[in-house]
Amino acid sequence: QVDLVESGGGLVQAGGSLRLSCAPSGSIFRFHAKGWYRQAPGKQRELVATITSGGSTNYADSVKGRFTISRDNAKNTMYLQMNSLKSEDTAVYYCNADIYTRWGREDCWGQGTQVTVSS
């Protein structure tokens, strides 16, 4: 079984930056990046940013102008560049992508990476 693996989370001061990465854990035929979501304590999971196969992006109003979603098709990796971080960005961040293996297409989620912004 192939999973999505996120990295890049951590503790940062308000105003700082982090870059999250998301990639499959094993060999695949195709990686279709879809988006990043987050879940803060006591809150529901919410959309942060999405990217289409054509490269169009969409952002939650709360992160527009500060976060950038991107992908590297050659590396089968999706990124989330987070700048000007605020305390309210503190959450567990999850990536979502379709991966194609010999068993077909699977809608996959990462295990989550903690982002903590100190004020």
Protein backbone atom coordinates (compact mmCIF):
# COMPACT_ATOMS: atom_id res chain seq x y z
CA GLN A 1 0.00 0.00 0.00
CA VAL A 2 1.24 3.48 -0.89
CA ASP A 3 0.56 6.36 1.47
CA LEU A 4 1.06 10.10 1.30
CA VAL A 5 3.82 11.46 3.50
CA GLU A 6 3.89 15.07 4.64
CA SER A 7 6.89 16.91 5.98
CA GLY A 8 7.96 20.43 6.85
CA GLY A 9 5.74 21.20 9.79
CA GLY A 10 7.03 22.57 13.06
CA LEU A 11 7.09 25.48 15.46
CA VAL A 12 7.55 28.98 14.08
CA GLN A 13 7.09 32.49 15.38
CA ALA A 14 4.33 34.69 14.04
CA GLY A 15 5.44 36.34 10.82
CA GLY A 16 7.66 33.43 9.92
CA SER A 17 7.49 30.93 7.08
CA LEU A 18 7.27 27.20 6.56
CA ARG A 19 7.09 25.00 3.49
CA LEU A 20 5.12 21.78 3.64
CA SER A 21 5.78 18.90 1.26
CA CYS A 22 3.63 15.93 0.32
CA ALA A 23 4.77 12.89 -1.64
CA PRO A 24 3.85 9.23 -1.99
CA SER A 25 5.69 6.72 0.17
CA GLY A 26 6.37 4.27 -2.64
CA SER A 27 6.40 3.66 -6.35
CA ILE A 28 3.37 4.85 -8.31
CA PHE A 29 2.32 5.35 -11.91
CA ARG A 30 0.88 8.81 -11.50
CA PHE A 31 0.44 11.49 -8.84
CA HIS A 32 -2.45 13.94 -9.10
CA ALA A 33 -2.06 16.63 -6.46
CA LYS A 34 -5.36 18.04 -5.26
CA GLY A 35 -4.99 20.17 -2.16
CA TRP A 36 -4.14 20.99 1.42
CA TYR A 37 -6.50 21.03 4.37
CA ARG A 38 -6.07 21.80 8.05
CA GLN A 39 -7.75 21.05 11.34
CA ALA A 40 -7.31 23.16 14.43
CA PRO A 41 -8.15 21.83 17.91
CA GLY A 42 -11.90 21.75 18.45
CA LYS A 43 -12.64 22.70 14.86
CA GLN A 44 -13.63 20.87 11.71
CA ARG A 45 -11.18 20.18 8.93
CA GLU A 46 -11.15 23.05 6.47
CA LEU A 47 -9.85 23.63 2.98
CA VAL A 48 -6.65 25.66 2.73
CA ALA A 49 -5.76 25.48 -0.96
CA THR A 50 -6.45 23.38 -4.03
CA ILE A 51 -4.75 22.90 -7.36
CA THR A 52 -6.18 21.40 -10.53
CA SER A 53 -4.48 19.28 -13.15
CA GLY A 54 -4.32 22.39 -15.30
CA GLY A 55 -2.56 24.32 -12.60
CA SER A 56 -5.42 26.52 -11.46
CA THR A 57 -5.32 27.29 -7.75
CA ASN A 58 -7.88 28.24 -5.16
CA TYR A 59 -7.35 29.49 -1.61
CA ALA A 60 -9.33 29.99 1.54
CA ASP A 61 -9.88 33.68 2.15
CA SER A 62 -7.93 33.46 5.39
CA VAL A 63 -4.70 32.46 3.60
CA LYS A 64 -4.94 34.36 0.31
CA GLY A 65 -1.82 36.35 -0.39
CA ARG A 66 0.17 34.46 2.26
CA PHE A 67 0.10 30.79 1.18
CA THR A 68 1.04 29.30 -2.19
CA ILE A 69 0.22 25.79 -3.37
CA SER A 70 2.39 24.24 -6.05
CA ARG A 71 3.46 20.90 -7.41
CA ASP A 72 6.46 19.30 -9.08
CA ASN A 73 5.18 16.63 -11.43
CA ALA A 74 8.67 15.24 -12.03
CA LYS A 75 9.09 14.63 -8.31
CA ASN A 76 5.49 13.60 -7.62
CA THR A 77 5.43 16.20 -4.88
CA MET A 78 2.99 18.91 -3.78
CA TYR A 79 4.01 21.90 -1.70
CA LEU A 80 2.43 24.54 0.48
CA GLN A 81 4.54 27.63 1.01
CA MET A 82 3.27 29.47 4.06
CA ASN A 83 4.44 33.03 4.69
CA SER A 84 3.47 35.67 7.23
CA LEU A 85 2.18 32.97 9.52
CA LYS A 86 -0.32 33.89 12.22
CA SER A 87 -1.27 32.16 15.45
CA GLU A 88 -4.61 31.25 13.89
CA ASP A 89 -2.76 29.16 11.29
CA THR A 90 -1.88 26.69 14.04
CA ALA A 91 -3.35 23.34 13.04
CA VAL A 92 -2.59 19.89 11.71
CA TYR A 93 -2.16 20.15 7.95
CA TYR A 94 -3.20 17.33 5.63
CA CYS A 95 -2.48 16.82 1.95
CA ASN A 96 -4.86 15.15 -0.48
CA ALA A 97 -4.03 13.59 -3.82
CA ASP A 98 -5.04 10.87 -6.20
CA ILE A 99 -2.37 8.23 -6.70
CA TYR A 100 -2.40 5.65 -9.45
CA THR A 101 -0.82 2.26 -8.87
CA ARG A 102 -1.22 -1.14 -10.47
CA TRP A 103 -4.32 -1.51 -8.35
CA GLY A 104 -5.93 1.59 -9.85
CA ARG A 105 -6.74 5.09 -8.58
CA GLU A 106 -6.92 5.86 -4.89
CA ASP A 107 -7.94 9.08 -3.19
CA CYS A 108 -5.26 9.45 -0.53
CA TRP A 109 -4.73 11.61 2.54
CA GLY A 110 -1.52 12.19 4.41
CA GLN A 111 -1.15 11.45 8.09
CA GLY A 112 -0.97 15.14 8.94
CA THR A 113 1.84 17.43 10.01
CA GLN A 114 1.60 19.81 12.95
CA VAL A 115 2.14 23.52 12.37
CA THR A 116 2.35 25.65 15.49
CA VAL A 117 2.67 29.42 15.27
CA SER A 118 3.67 31.21 18.45
CA SER A 119 2.63 34.80 18.95
